[in-house]
Amino acid sequence: MCIRDRNQHRPSLNGGVVIKTNANQRYTTDGISAALLRIIGEKGGVPVQDFIVKNAAPCGSTVGPMMSSWTSMKTVDVGAPMLSMHSIRETCGVLDTYYYYTFFKSFFKYYETVDQNLLDH
């Protein structure tokens, strides 16, 4: 996969929540949704990583772009760093499970305040 992703934007196991971004809009992440996620992660003490696919490289997609076009909700493609995704030996970091638990707790605690004050940051 190293020929398709940006060297400085490769997620690490046990490195925290991963924001997936693609300039060709194959993922639903935009600047506002990514900023919300980063601020909430910061407030909860959860590290946030980036996964950015090169513009010229084809990549898979998620249901995010389709779902966000049907609703007026802010959306972001977020995931956990994994080795061998979709294989029988899929591997993730134990610490990332804790980060997800902490992030989602923080999301429900801080989302409304962060969303209302986003432009002040």
PDB file of N, CA and C in Angstrom:
ATOM      1  N   MET A   1       0.808  -1.201   0.000  1.00  0.00           N
ATOM      2  CA  MET A   1       0.000   0.000   0.000  1.00  0.00           C
ATOM      3  C   MET A   1       0.849   1.262   0.000  1.00  0.00           C
ATOM      4  N   CYS A   2       2.145   1.157   0.254  1.00  0.00           N
ATOM      5  CA  CYS A   2       2.977   2.352   0.374  1.00  0.00           C
ATOM      6  C   CYS A   2       3.025   3.169  -0.911  1.00  0.00           C
ATOM      7  N   ILE A   3       2.725   2.587  -2.075  1.00  0.00           N
ATOM      8  CA  ILE A   3       2.728   3.377  -3.302  1.00  0.00           C
ATOM      9  C   ILE A   3       1.449   4.198  -3.446  1.00  0.00           C
ATOM     10  N   ARG A   4       0.433   3.894  -2.667  1.00  0.00           N
ATOM     11  CA  ARG A   4      -0.839   4.601  -2.787  1.00  0.00           C
ATOM     12  C   ARG A   4      -1.061   5.659  -1.715  1.00  0.00           C
ATOM     13  N   ASP A   5      -0.440   5.521  -0.559  1.00  0.00           N
ATOM     14  CA  ASP A   5      -0.682   6.496   0.498  1.00  0.00           C
ATOM     15  C   ASP A   5       0.503   7.443   0.633  1.00  0.00           C
ATOM     16  N   ARG A   6       0.291   8.497   1.360  1.00  0.00           N
ATOM     17  CA  ARG A   6       1.340   9.478   1.625  1.00  0.00           C
ATOM     18  C   ARG A   6       2.221   8.959   2.749  1.00  0.00           C
ATOM     19  N   ASN A   7       3.532   8.990   2.548  1.00  0.00           N
ATOM     20  CA  ASN A   7       4.459   8.475   3.560  1.00  0.00           C
ATOM     21  C   ASN A   7       4.237   9.090   4.926  1.00  0.00           C
ATOM     22  N   GLN A   8       3.978  10.378   4.981  1.00  0.00           N
ATOM     23  CA  GLN A   8       3.813  11.047   6.258  1.00  0.00           C
ATOM     24  C   GLN A   8       2.389  10.908   6.816  1.00  0.00           C
ATOM     25  N   HIS A   9       1.532  10.203   6.121  1.00  0.00           N
ATOM     26  CA  HIS A   9       0.148  10.037   6.562  1.00  0.00           C
ATOM     27  C   HIS A   9      -0.248   8.569   6.658  1.00  0.00           C
ATOM     28  N   ARG A  10       0.638   7.759   7.196  1.00  0.00           N
ATOM     29  CA  ARG A  10       0.336   6.344   7.424  1.00  0.00           C
ATOM     30  C   ARG A  10      -0.013   6.152   8.883  1.00  0.00           C
ATOM     31  N   PRO A  11      -1.153   5.564   9.162  1.00  0.00           N
ATOM     32  CA  PRO A  11      -1.517   5.339  10.561  1.00  0.00           C
ATOM     33  C   PRO A  11      -0.670   4.239  11.201  1.00  0.00           C
ATOM     34  N   SER A  12      -0.517   4.331  12.499  1.00  0.00           N
ATOM     35  CA  SER A  12       0.243   3.348  13.278  1.00  0.00           C
ATOM     36  C   SER A  12      -0.677   2.632  14.247  1.00  0.00           C
ATOM     37  N   LEU A  13      -0.429   1.342  14.456  1.00  0.00           N
ATOM     38  CA  LEU A  13      -1.176   0.613  15.475  1.00  0.00           C
ATOM     39  C   LEU A  13      -0.935   1.263  16.820  1.00  0.00           C
ATOM     40  N   ASN A  14      -1.954   1.323  17.642  1.00  0.00           N
ATOM     41  CA  ASN A  14      -1.918   1.951  18.968  1.00  0.00           C
ATOM     42  C   ASN A  14      -1.600   3.437  18.891  1.00  0.00           C
ATOM     43  N   GLY A  15      -1.916   4.047  17.746  1.00  0.00           N
ATOM     44  CA  GLY A  15      -1.645   5.469  17.556  1.00  0.00           C
ATOM     45  C   GLY A  15      -2.871   6.347  17.631  1.00  0.00           C
ATOM     46  N   GLY A  16      -4.049   5.753  17.823  1.00  0.00           N
ATOM     47  CA  GLY A  16      -5.268   6.541  17.959  1.00  0.00           C
ATOM     48  C   GLY A  16      -6.210   6.423  16.778  1.00  0.00           C
ATOM     49  N   VAL A  17      -7.281   7.192  16.850  1.00  0.00           N
ATOM     50  CA  VAL A  17      -8.340   7.237  15.846  1.00  0.00           C
ATOM     51  C   VAL A  17      -7.756   7.746  14.528  1.00  0.00           C
ATOM     52  N   VAL A  18      -8.216   7.189  13.393  1.00  0.00           N
ATOM     53  CA  VAL A  18      -7.698   7.564  12.077  1.00  0.00           C
ATOM     54  C   VAL A  18      -8.787   8.263  11.264  1.00  0.00           C
ATOM     55  N   ILE A  19      -8.444   9.447  10.743  1.00  0.00           N
ATOM     56  CA  ILE A  19      -9.327  10.165   9.822  1.00  0.00           C
ATOM     57  C   ILE A  19      -8.894   9.806   8.409  1.00  0.00           C
ATOM     58  N   LYS A  20      -9.848   9.323   7.597  1.00  0.00           N
ATOM     59  CA  LYS A  20      -9.556   8.957   6.211  1.00  0.00           C
ATOM     60  C   LYS A  20      -9.977  10.103   5.296  1.00  0.00           C
ATOM     61  N   THR A  21      -9.027  10.541   4.443  1.00  0.00           N
ATOM     62  CA  THR A  21      -9.280  11.671   3.556  1.00  0.00           C
ATOM     63  C   THR A  21      -8.850  11.321   2.136  1.00  0.00           C
ATOM     64  N   ASN A  22      -9.631  11.777   1.175  1.00  0.00           N
ATOM     65  CA  ASN A  22      -9.294  11.601  -0.235  1.00  0.00           C
ATOM     66  C   ASN A  22      -9.796  12.824  -0.986  1.00  0.00           C
ATOM     67  N   ALA A  23      -8.915  13.487  -1.721  1.00  0.00           N
ATOM     68  CA  ALA A  23      -9.281  14.706  -2.442  1.00  0.00           C
ATOM     69  C   ALA A  23     -10.330  14.446  -3.516  1.00  0.00           C
ATOM     70  N   ASN A  24     -10.426  13.213  -3.985  1.00  0.00           N
ATOM     71  CA  ASN A  24     -11.427  12.865  -5.006  1.00  0.00           C
ATOM     72  C   ASN A  24     -12.772  12.506  -4.386  1.00  0.00           C
ATOM     73  N   GLN A  25     -12.927  12.754  -3.107  1.00  0.00           N
ATOM     74  CA  GLN A  25     -14.162  12.559  -2.351  1.00  0.00           C
ATOM     75  C   GLN A  25     -14.643  11.113  -2.350  1.00  0.00           C
ATOM     76  N   ARG A  26     -13.701  10.177  -2.300  1.00  0.00           N
ATOM     77  CA  ARG A  26     -14.061   8.769  -2.156  1.00  0.00           C
ATOM     78  C   ARG A  26     -14.432   8.469  -0.703  1.00  0.00           C
ATOM     79  N   TYR A  27     -14.002   9.343   0.199  1.00  0.00           N
ATOM     80  CA  TYR A  27     -14.410   9.289   1.604  1.00  0.00           C
ATOM     81  C   TYR A  27     -15.202  10.561   1.883  1.00  0.00           C
ATOM     82  N   THR A  28     -16.004  10.554   2.918  1.00  0.00           N
ATOM     83  CA  THR A  28     -16.905  11.666   3.188  1.00  0.00           C
ATOM     84  C   THR A  28     -16.296  12.784   4.022  1.00  0.00           C
ATOM     85  N   THR A  29     -15.095  12.593   4.509  1.00  0.00           N
ATOM     86  CA  THR A  29     -14.449  13.586   5.363  1.00  0.00           C
ATOM     87  C   THR A  29     -14.263  14.915   4.636  1.00  0.00           C
ATOM     88  N   ASP A  30     -14.621  15.999   5.323  1.00  0.00           N
ATOM     89  CA  ASP A  30     -14.310  17.334   4.820  1.00  0.00           C
ATOM     90  C   ASP A  30     -13.605  18.108   5.934  1.00  0.00           C
ATOM     91  N   GLY A  31     -13.246  19.331   5.682  1.00  0.00           N
ATOM     92  CA  GLY A  31     -12.495  20.120   6.656  1.00  0.00           C
ATOM     93  C   GLY A  31     -13.238  20.332   7.959  1.00  0.00           C
ATOM     94  N   ILE A  32     -14.534  20.566   7.875  1.00  0.00           N
ATOM     95  CA  ILE A  32     -15.322  20.822   9.082  1.00  0.00           C
ATOM     96  C   ILE A  32     -15.445  19.562   9.930  1.00  0.00           C
ATOM     97  N   SER A  33     -15.782  18.443   9.298  1.00  0.00           N
ATOM     98  CA  SER A  33     -15.942  17.207  10.086  1.00  0.00           C
ATOM     99  C   SER A  33     -14.613  16.756  10.683  1.00  0.00           C
ATOM    100  N   ALA A  34     -13.517  16.934   9.941  1.00  0.00           N
ATOM    101  CA  ALA A  34     -12.195  16.566  10.465  1.00  0.00           C
ATOM    102  C   ALA A  34     -11.819  17.462  11.643  1.00  0.00           C
ATOM    103  N   ALA A  35     -12.122  18.760  11.539  1.00  0.00           N
ATOM    104  CA  ALA A  35     -11.821  19.686  12.634  1.00  0.00           C
ATOM    105  C   ALA A  35     -12.609  19.324  13.892  1.00  0.00           C
ATOM    106  N   LEU A  36     -13.884  19.005  13.724  1.00  0.00           N
ATOM    107  CA  LEU A  36     -14.706  18.584  14.867  1.00  0.00           C
ATOM    108  C   LEU A  36     -14.097  17.372  15.557  1.00  0.00           C
ATOM    109  N   LEU A  37     -13.702  16.386  14.762  1.00  0.00           N
ATOM    110  CA  LEU A  37     -13.139  15.168  15.316  1.00  0.00           C
ATOM    111  C   LEU A  37     -11.836  15.452  16.051  1.00  0.00           C
ATOM    112  N   ARG A  38     -10.998  16.284  15.463  1.00  0.00           N
ATOM    113  CA  ARG A  38      -9.711  16.613  16.098  1.00  0.00           C
ATOM    114  C   ARG A  38      -9.911  17.324  17.439  1.00  0.00           C
ATOM    115  N   ILE A  39     -10.815  18.281  17.478  1.00  0.00           N
ATOM    116  CA  ILE A  39     -11.053  19.028  18.720  1.00  0.00           C
ATOM    117  C   ILE A  39     -11.632  18.111  19.788  1.00  0.00           C
ATOM    118  N   ILE A  40     -12.573  17.273  19.420  1.00  0.00           N
ATOM    119  CA  ILE A  40     -13.160  16.332  20.384  1.00  0.00           C
ATOM    120  C   ILE A  40     -12.096  15.357  20.872  1.00  0.00           C
ATOM    121  N   GLY A  41     -11.263  14.868  19.971  1.00  0.00           N
ATOM    122  CA  GLY A  41     -10.165  13.990  20.379  1.00  0.00           C
ATOM    123  C   GLY A  41      -9.225  14.682  21.350  1.00  0.00           C
ATOM    124  N   GLU A  42      -8.902  15.931  21.066  1.00  0.00           N
ATOM    125  CA  GLU A  42      -8.014  16.700  21.943  1.00  0.00           C
ATOM    126  C   GLU A  42      -8.631  16.870  23.336  1.00  0.00           C
ATOM    127  N   LYS A  43      -9.906  17.215  23.373  1.00  0.00           N
ATOM    128  CA  LYS A  43     -10.587  17.387  24.663  1.00  0.00           C
ATOM    129  C   LYS A  43     -10.631  16.091  25.458  1.00  0.00           C
ATOM    130  N   GLY A  44     -10.729  14.958  24.767  1.00  0.00           N
ATOM    131  CA  GLY A  44     -10.793  13.663  25.438  1.00  0.00           C
ATOM    132  C   GLY A  44      -9.432  13.016  25.660  1.00  0.00           C
ATOM    133  N   GLY A  45      -8.374  13.673  25.188  1.00  0.00           N
ATOM    134  CA  GLY A  45      -7.033  13.109  25.334  1.00  0.00           C
ATOM    135  C   GLY A  45      -6.777  11.934  24.404  1.00  0.00           C
ATOM    136  N   VAL A  46      -7.457  11.919  23.261  1.00  0.00           N
ATOM    137  CA  VAL A  46      -7.331  10.815  22.303  1.00  0.00           C
ATOM    138  C   VAL A  46      -6.516  11.285  21.099  1.00  0.00           C
ATOM    139  N   PRO A  47      -5.426  10.599  20.768  1.00  0.00           N
ATOM    140  CA  PRO A  47      -4.655  10.979  19.584  1.00  0.00           C
ATOM    141  C   PRO A  47      -5.431  10.706  18.302  1.00  0.00           C
ATOM    142  N   VAL A  48      -5.229  11.571  17.324  1.00  0.00           N
ATOM    143  CA  VAL A  48      -5.895  11.441  16.028  1.00  0.00           C
ATOM    144  C   VAL A  48      -4.818  11.366  14.948  1.00  0.00           C
ATOM    145  N   GLN A  49      -4.958  10.395  14.048  1.00  0.00           N
ATOM    146  CA  GLN A  49      -4.013  10.197  12.952  1.00  0.00           C
ATOM    147  C   GLN A  49      -4.698  10.469  11.620  1.00  0.00           C
ATOM    148  N   ASP A  50      -3.893  10.636  10.567  1.00  0.00           N
ATOM    149  CA  ASP A  50      -4.420  10.853   9.226  1.00  0.00           C
ATOM    150  C   ASP A  50      -4.051   9.709   8.304  1.00  0.00           C
ATOM    151  N   PHE A  51      -4.977   9.366   7.428  1.00  0.00           N
ATOM    152  CA  PHE A  51      -4.708   8.463   6.309  1.00  0.00           C
ATOM    153  C   PHE A  51      -5.178   9.196   5.077  1.00  0.00           C
ATOM    154  N   ILE A  52      -4.234   9.585   4.227  1.00  0.00           N
ATOM    155  CA  ILE A  52      -4.558  10.356   3.036  1.00  0.00           C
ATOM    156  C   ILE A  52      -4.053   9.592   1.820  1.00  0.00           C
ATOM    157  N   VAL A  53      -4.957   9.278   0.915  1.00  0.00           N
ATOM    158  CA  VAL A  53      -4.599   8.568  -0.308  1.00  0.00           C
ATOM    159  C   VAL A  53      -4.138   9.600  -1.338  1.00  0.00           C
ATOM    160  N   LYS A  54      -3.093   9.266  -2.088  1.00  0.00           N
ATOM    161  CA  LYS A  54      -2.609  10.159  -3.143  1.00  0.00           C
ATOM    162  C   LYS A  54      -3.728  10.440  -4.143  1.00  0.00           C
ATOM    163  N   ASN A  55      -3.753  11.654  -4.670  1.00  0.00           N
ATOM    164  CA  ASN A  55      -4.817  12.059  -5.595  1.00  0.00           C
ATOM    165  C   ASN A  55      -4.892  11.202  -6.844  1.00  0.00           C
ATOM    166  N   ALA A  56      -3.746  10.776  -7.361  1.00  0.00           N
ATOM    167  CA  ALA A  56      -3.722  10.040  -8.623  1.00  0.00           C
ATOM    168  C   ALA A  56      -3.946   8.539  -8.439  1.00  0.00           C
ATOM    169  N   ALA A  57      -3.995   8.073  -7.208  1.00  0.00           N
ATOM    170  CA  ALA A  57      -4.136   6.633  -6.954  1.00  0.00           C
ATOM    171  C   ALA A  57      -5.598   6.266  -6.729  1.00  0.00           C
ATOM    172  N   PRO A  58      -6.053   5.197  -7.361  1.00  0.00           N
ATOM    173  CA  PRO A  58      -7.424   4.744  -7.081  1.00  0.00           C
ATOM    174  C   PRO A  58      -7.494   4.169  -5.670  1.00  0.00           C
ATOM    175  N   CYS A  59      -8.649   4.270  -5.079  1.00  0.00           N
ATOM    176  CA  CYS A  59      -8.820   3.687  -3.742  1.00  0.00           C
ATOM    177  C   CYS A  59     -10.259   3.227  -3.597  1.00  0.00           C
ATOM    178  N   GLY A  60     -10.499   2.461  -2.592  1.00  0.00           N
ATOM    179  CA  GLY A  60     -11.853   2.031  -2.294  1.00  0.00           C
ATOM    180  C   GLY A  60     -12.668   3.204  -1.788  1.00  0.00           C
ATOM    181  N   SER A  61     -13.900   2.958  -1.548  1.00  0.00           N
ATOM    182  CA  SER A  61     -14.773   4.002  -1.031  1.00  0.00           C
ATOM    183  C   SER A  61     -15.524   3.451   0.167  1.00  0.00           C
ATOM    184  N   THR A  62     -16.308   4.295   0.785  1.00  0.00           N
ATOM    185  CA  THR A  62     -17.172   3.864   1.878  1.00  0.00           C
ATOM    186  C   THR A  62     -18.588   4.298   1.537  1.00  0.00           C
ATOM    187  N   VAL A  63     -19.539   3.939   2.358  1.00  0.00           N
ATOM    188  CA  VAL A  63     -20.912   4.388   2.140  1.00  0.00           C
ATOM    189  C   VAL A  63     -21.091   5.836   2.586  1.00  0.00           C
ATOM    190  N   GLY A  64     -20.052   6.419   3.181  1.00  0.00           N
ATOM    191  CA  GLY A  64     -20.133   7.774   3.712  1.00  0.00           C
ATOM    192  C   GLY A  64     -20.586   8.816   2.714  1.00  0.00           C
ATOM    193  N   PRO A  65     -19.954   8.938   1.524  1.00  0.00           N
ATOM    194  CA  PRO A  65     -20.386   9.964   0.583  1.00  0.00           C
ATOM    195  C   PRO A  65     -21.857   9.816   0.184  1.00  0.00           C
ATOM    196  N   MET A  66     -22.309   8.595  -0.026  1.00  0.00           N
ATOM    197  CA  MET A  66     -23.709   8.375  -0.391  1.00  0.00           C
ATOM    198  C   MET A  66     -24.635   8.767   0.761  1.00  0.00           C
ATOM    199  N   MET A  67     -24.285   8.345   1.979  1.00  0.00           N
ATOM    200  CA  MET A  67     -25.137   8.633   3.136  1.00  0.00           C
ATOM    201  C   MET A  67     -25.183  10.132   3.442  1.00  0.00           C
ATOM    202  N   SER A  68     -24.043  10.800   3.340  1.00  0.00           N
ATOM    203  CA  SER A  68     -24.038  12.225   3.662  1.00  0.00           C
ATOM    204  C   SER A  68     -24.783  13.043   2.612  1.00  0.00           C
ATOM    205  N   SER A  69     -24.856  12.547   1.373  1.00  0.00           N
ATOM    206  CA  SER A  69     -25.623  13.265   0.353  1.00  0.00           C
ATOM    207  C   SER A  69     -27.129  13.146   0.596  1.00  0.00           C
ATOM    208  N   TRP A  70     -27.543  12.150   1.358  1.00  0.00           N
ATOM    209  CA  TRP A  70     -28.966  11.961   1.658  1.00  0.00           C
ATOM    210  C   TRP A  70     -29.412  12.700   2.915  1.00  0.00           C
ATOM    211  N   THR A  71     -28.465  13.160   3.703  1.00  0.00           N
ATOM    212  CA  THR A  71     -28.798  13.813   4.974  1.00  0.00           C
ATOM    213  C   THR A  71     -28.115  15.167   5.048  1.00  0.00           C
ATOM    214  N   SER A  72     -28.438  15.916   6.057  1.00  0.00           N
ATOM    215  CA  SER A  72     -27.760  17.203   6.258  1.00  0.00           C
ATOM    216  C   SER A  72     -26.792  17.123   7.428  1.00  0.00           C
ATOM    217  N   MET A  73     -26.406  15.896   7.797  1.00  0.00           N
ATOM    218  CA  MET A  73     -25.508  15.713   8.930  1.00  0.00           C
ATOM    219  C   MET A  73     -24.055  15.870   8.504  1.00  0.00           C
ATOM    220  N   LYS A  74     -23.238  16.333   9.441  1.00  0.00           N
ATOM    221  CA  LYS A  74     -21.794  16.342   9.226  1.00  0.00           C
ATOM    222  C   LYS A  74     -21.327  14.890   9.295  1.00  0.00           C
ATOM    223  N   THR A  75     -20.436  14.510   8.402  1.00  0.00           N
ATOM    224  CA  THR A  75     -19.941  13.136   8.402  1.00  0.00           C
ATOM    225  C   THR A  75     -18.429  13.119   8.253  1.00  0.00           C
ATOM    226  N   VAL A  76     -17.826  12.065   8.762  1.00  0.00           N
ATOM    227  CA  VAL A  76     -16.380  11.884   8.672  1.00  0.00           C
ATOM    228  C   VAL A  76     -16.113  10.393   8.566  1.00  0.00           C
ATOM    229  N   ASP A  77     -15.178  10.017   7.710  1.00  0.00           N
ATOM    230  CA  ASP A  77     -14.756   8.609   7.648  1.00  0.00           C
ATOM    231  C   ASP A  77     -13.642   8.430   8.657  1.00  0.00           C
ATOM    232  N   VAL A  78     -13.905   7.616   9.635  1.00  0.00           N
ATOM    233  CA  VAL A  78     -12.954   7.393  10.714  1.00  0.00           C
ATOM    234  C   VAL A  78     -12.791   5.895  10.898  1.00  0.00           C
ATOM    235  N   GLY A  79     -11.619   5.488  11.283  1.00  0.00           N
ATOM    236  CA  GLY A  79     -11.381   4.061  11.455  1.00  0.00           C
ATOM    237  C   GLY A  79     -10.260   3.785  12.419  1.00  0.00           C
ATOM    238  N   ALA A  80      -9.963   2.508  12.547  1.00  0.00           N
ATOM    239  CA  ALA A  80      -8.857   2.057  13.394  1.00  0.00           C
ATOM    240  C   ALA A  80      -7.734   1.580  12.492  1.00  0.00           C
ATOM    241  N   PRO A  81      -6.492   1.886  12.849  1.00  0.00           N
ATOM    242  CA  PRO A  81      -5.387   1.360  12.046  1.00  0.00           C
ATOM    243  C   PRO A  81      -5.343  -0.158  12.155  1.00  0.00           C
ATOM    244  N   MET A  82      -5.171  -0.825  11.023  1.00  0.00           N
ATOM    245  CA  MET A  82      -5.174  -2.289  10.990  1.00  0.00           C
ATOM    246  C   MET A  82      -4.099  -2.812  10.061  1.00  0.00           C
ATOM    247  N   LEU A  83      -3.656  -4.000  10.360  1.00  0.00           N
ATOM    248  CA  LEU A  83      -2.807  -4.755   9.448  1.00  0.00           C
ATOM    249  C   LEU A  83      -3.668  -5.849   8.839  1.00  0.00           C
ATOM    250  N   SER A  84      -3.523  -6.087   7.575  1.00  0.00           N
ATOM    251  CA  SER A  84      -4.238  -7.167   6.880  1.00  0.00           C
ATOM    252  C   SER A  84      -5.754  -7.028   6.989  1.00  0.00           C
ATOM    253  N   MET A  85      -6.245  -5.837   6.764  1.00  0.00           N
ATOM    254  CA  MET A  85      -7.682  -5.604   6.863  1.00  0.00           C
ATOM    255  C   MET A  85      -8.445  -6.549   5.934  1.00  0.00           C
ATOM    256  N   HIS A  86      -9.540  -7.062   6.417  1.00  0.00           N
ATOM    257  CA  HIS A  86     -10.433  -7.982   5.709  1.00  0.00           C
ATOM    258  C   HIS A  86      -9.831  -9.369   5.492  1.00  0.00           C
ATOM    259  N   SER A  87      -8.762  -9.692   6.177  1.00  0.00           N
ATOM    260  CA  SER A  87      -8.211 -11.041   6.058  1.00  0.00           C
ATOM    261  C   SER A  87      -8.534 -11.828   7.334  1.00  0.00           C
ATOM    262  N   ILE A  88      -8.228 -13.105   7.341  1.00  0.00           N
ATOM    263  CA  ILE A  88      -8.503 -13.906   8.534  1.00  0.00           C
ATOM    264  C   ILE A  88      -7.532 -13.578   9.659  1.00  0.00           C
ATOM    265  N   ARG A  89      -6.477 -12.859   9.346  1.00  0.00           N
ATOM    266  CA  ARG A  89      -5.494 -12.474  10.373  1.00  0.00           C
ATOM    267  C   ARG A  89      -5.479 -10.961  10.595  1.00  0.00           C
ATOM    268  N   GLU A  90      -6.633 -10.338  10.474  1.00  0.00           N
ATOM    269  CA  GLU A  90      -6.756  -8.903  10.702  1.00  0.00           C
ATOM    270  C   GLU A  90      -6.261  -8.571  12.109  1.00  0.00           C
ATOM    271  N   THR A  91      -5.421  -7.574  12.224  1.00  0.00           N
ATOM    272  CA  THR A  91      -4.796  -7.253  13.499  1.00  0.00           C
ATOM    273  C   THR A  91      -4.942  -5.765  13.801  1.00  0.00           C
ATOM    274  N   CYS A  92      -5.332  -5.450  15.030  1.00  0.00           N
ATOM    275  CA  CYS A  92      -5.382  -4.054  15.455  1.00  0.00           C
ATOM    276  C   CYS A  92      -4.726  -3.937  16.825  1.00  0.00           C
ATOM    277  N   GLY A  93      -4.431  -2.723  17.228  1.00  0.00           N
ATOM    278  CA  GLY A  93      -3.779  -2.488  18.508  1.00  0.00           C
ATOM    279  C   GLY A  93      -4.780  -2.482  19.659  1.00  0.00           C
ATOM    280  N   VAL A  94      -4.401  -3.074  20.762  1.00  0.00           N
ATOM    281  CA  VAL A  94      -5.262  -3.103  21.948  1.00  0.00           C
ATOM    282  C   VAL A  94      -5.531  -1.694  22.454  1.00  0.00           C
ATOM    283  N   LEU A  95      -4.525  -0.843  22.429  1.00  0.00           N
ATOM    284  CA  LEU A  95      -4.685   0.521  22.915  1.00  0.00           C
ATOM    285  C   LEU A  95      -5.688   1.304  22.073  1.00  0.00           C
ATOM    286  N   ASP A  96      -5.783   0.980  20.780  1.00  0.00           N
ATOM    287  CA  ASP A  96      -6.753   1.668  19.920  1.00  0.00           C
ATOM    288  C   ASP A  96      -8.188   1.413  20.365  1.00  0.00           C
ATOM    289  N   THR A  97      -8.465   0.247  20.911  1.00  0.00           N
ATOM    290  CA  THR A  97      -9.802  -0.047  21.439  1.00  0.00           C
ATOM    291  C   THR A  97     -10.133   0.914  22.572  1.00  0.00           C
ATOM    292  N   TYR A  98      -9.169   1.146  23.443  1.00  0.00           N
ATOM    293  CA  TYR A  98      -9.354   2.103  24.540  1.00  0.00           C
ATOM    294  C   TYR A  98      -9.551   3.508  23.972  1.00  0.00           C
ATOM    295  N   TYR A  99      -8.767   3.870  22.957  1.00  0.00           N
ATOM    296  CA  TYR A  99      -8.907   5.199  22.356  1.00  0.00           C
ATOM    297  C   TYR A  99     -10.305   5.380  21.772  1.00  0.00           C
ATOM    298  N   TYR A 100     -10.846   4.351  21.142  1.00  0.00           N
ATOM    299  CA  TYR A 100     -12.195   4.461  20.586  1.00  0.00           C
ATOM    300  C   TYR A 100     -13.236   4.624  21.680  1.00  0.00           C
ATOM    301  N   TYR A 101     -13.136   3.854  22.711  1.00  0.00           N
ATOM    302  CA  TYR A 101     -14.058   3.986  23.843  1.00  0.00           C
ATOM    303  C   TYR A 101     -14.000   5.415  24.399  1.00  0.00           C
ATOM    304  N   THR A 102     -12.797   5.900  24.614  1.00  0.00           N
ATOM    305  CA  THR A 102     -12.613   7.240  25.163  1.00  0.00           C
ATOM    306  C   THR A 102     -13.104   8.309  24.187  1.00  0.00           C
ATOM    307  N   PHE A 103     -12.820   8.102  22.884  1.00  0.00           N
ATOM    308  CA  PHE A 103     -13.266   9.079  21.896  1.00  0.00           C
ATOM    309  C   PHE A 103     -14.788   9.166  21.857  1.00  0.00           C
ATOM    310  N   PHE A 104     -15.467   8.038  21.816  1.00  0.00           N
ATOM    311  CA  PHE A 104     -16.925   8.082  21.719  1.00  0.00           C
ATOM    312  C   PHE A 104     -17.560   8.651  22.985  1.00  0.00           C
ATOM    313  N   LYS A 105     -16.972   8.388  24.122  1.00  0.00           N
ATOM    314  CA  LYS A 105     -17.436   9.032  25.356  1.00  0.00           C
ATOM    315  C   LYS A 105     -17.270  10.551  25.233  1.00  0.00           C
ATOM    316  N   SER A 106     -16.134  10.976  24.739  1.00  0.00           N
ATOM    317  CA  SER A 106     -15.859  12.401  24.557  1.00  0.00           C
ATOM    318  C   SER A 106     -16.785  13.014  23.513  1.00  0.00           C
ATOM    319  N   PHE A 107     -17.083  12.262  22.467  1.00  0.00           N
ATOM    320  CA  PHE A 107     -17.977  12.761  21.424  1.00  0.00           C
ATOM    321  C   PHE A 107     -19.329  13.146  22.021  1.00  0.00           C
ATOM    322  N   PHE A 108     -19.914  12.254  22.788  1.00  0.00           N
ATOM    323  CA  PHE A 108     -21.235  12.535  23.358  1.00  0.00           C
ATOM    324  C   PHE A 108     -21.172  13.616  24.435  1.00  0.00           C
ATOM    325  N   LYS A 109     -20.037  13.799  25.042  1.00  0.00           N
ATOM    326  CA  LYS A 109     -19.875  14.821  26.076  1.00  0.00           C
ATOM    327  C   LYS A 109     -19.634  16.209  25.470  1.00  0.00           C
ATOM    328  N   TYR A 110     -18.823  16.293  24.400  1.00  0.00           N
ATOM    329  CA  TYR A 110     -18.368  17.588  23.897  1.00  0.00           C
ATOM    330  C   TYR A 110     -18.946  18.023  22.557  1.00  0.00           C
ATOM    331  N   TYR A 111     -19.599  17.151  21.825  1.00  0.00           N
ATOM    332  CA  TYR A 111     -19.996  17.483  20.455  1.00  0.00           C
ATOM    333  C   TYR A 111     -20.782  18.783  20.351  1.00  0.00           C
ATOM    334  N   GLU A 112     -21.822  18.933  21.136  1.00  0.00           N
ATOM    335  CA  GLU A 112     -22.686  20.108  21.007  1.00  0.00           C
ATOM    336  C   GLU A 112     -21.905  21.406  21.218  1.00  0.00           C
ATOM    337  N   THR A 113     -21.078  21.441  22.238  1.00  0.00           N
ATOM    338  CA  THR A 113     -20.283  22.638  22.528  1.00  0.00           C
ATOM    339  C   THR A 113     -19.265  22.898  21.422  1.00  0.00           C
ATOM    340  N   VAL A 114     -18.561  21.872  20.996  1.00  0.00           N
ATOM    341  CA  VAL A 114     -17.549  22.040  19.947  1.00  0.00           C
ATOM    342  C   VAL A 114     -18.203  22.486  18.650  1.00  0.00           C
ATOM    343  N   ASP A 115     -19.327  21.889  18.292  1.00  0.00           N
ATOM    344  CA  ASP A 115     -20.019  22.238  17.057  1.00  0.00           C
ATOM    345  C   ASP A 115     -20.457  23.701  17.069  1.00  0.00           C
ATOM    346  N   GLN A 116     -20.975  24.169  18.190  1.00  0.00           N
ATOM    347  CA  GLN A 116     -21.444  25.561  18.285  1.00  0.00           C
ATOM    348  C   GLN A 116     -20.299  26.563  18.247  1.00  0.00           C
ATOM    349  N   ASN A 117     -19.127  26.160  18.729  1.00  0.00           N
ATOM    350  CA  ASN A 117     -17.990  27.082  18.843  1.00  0.00           C
ATOM    351  C   ASN A 117     -16.885  26.821  17.826  1.00  0.00           C
ATOM    352  N   LEU A 118     -17.120  26.004  16.825  1.00  0.00           N
ATOM    353  CA  LEU A 118     -16.065  25.580  15.909  1.00  0.00           C
ATOM    354  C   LEU A 118     -15.362  26.757  15.230  1.00  0.00           C
ATOM    355  N   LEU A 119     -16.095  27.736  14.794  1.00  0.00           N
ATOM    356  CA  LEU A 119     -15.491  28.842  14.073  1.00  0.00           C
ATOM    357  C   LEU A 119     -14.662  29.753  14.968  1.00  0.00           C
ATOM    358  N   ASP A 120     -14.776  29.593  16.285  1.00  0.00           N
ATOM    359  CA  ASP A 120     -13.980  30.403  17.216  1.00  0.00           C
ATOM    360  C   ASP A 120     -12.571  29.884  17.358  1.00  0.00           C
ATOM    361  N   HIS A 121     -12.290  28.649  16.892  1.00  0.00           N
ATOM    362  CA  HIS A 121     -10.952  28.059  17.057  1.00  0.00           C
ATOM    363  C   HIS A 121      -9.995  28.536  16.006  1.00  0.00           C
TER     364      HIS A 121
END
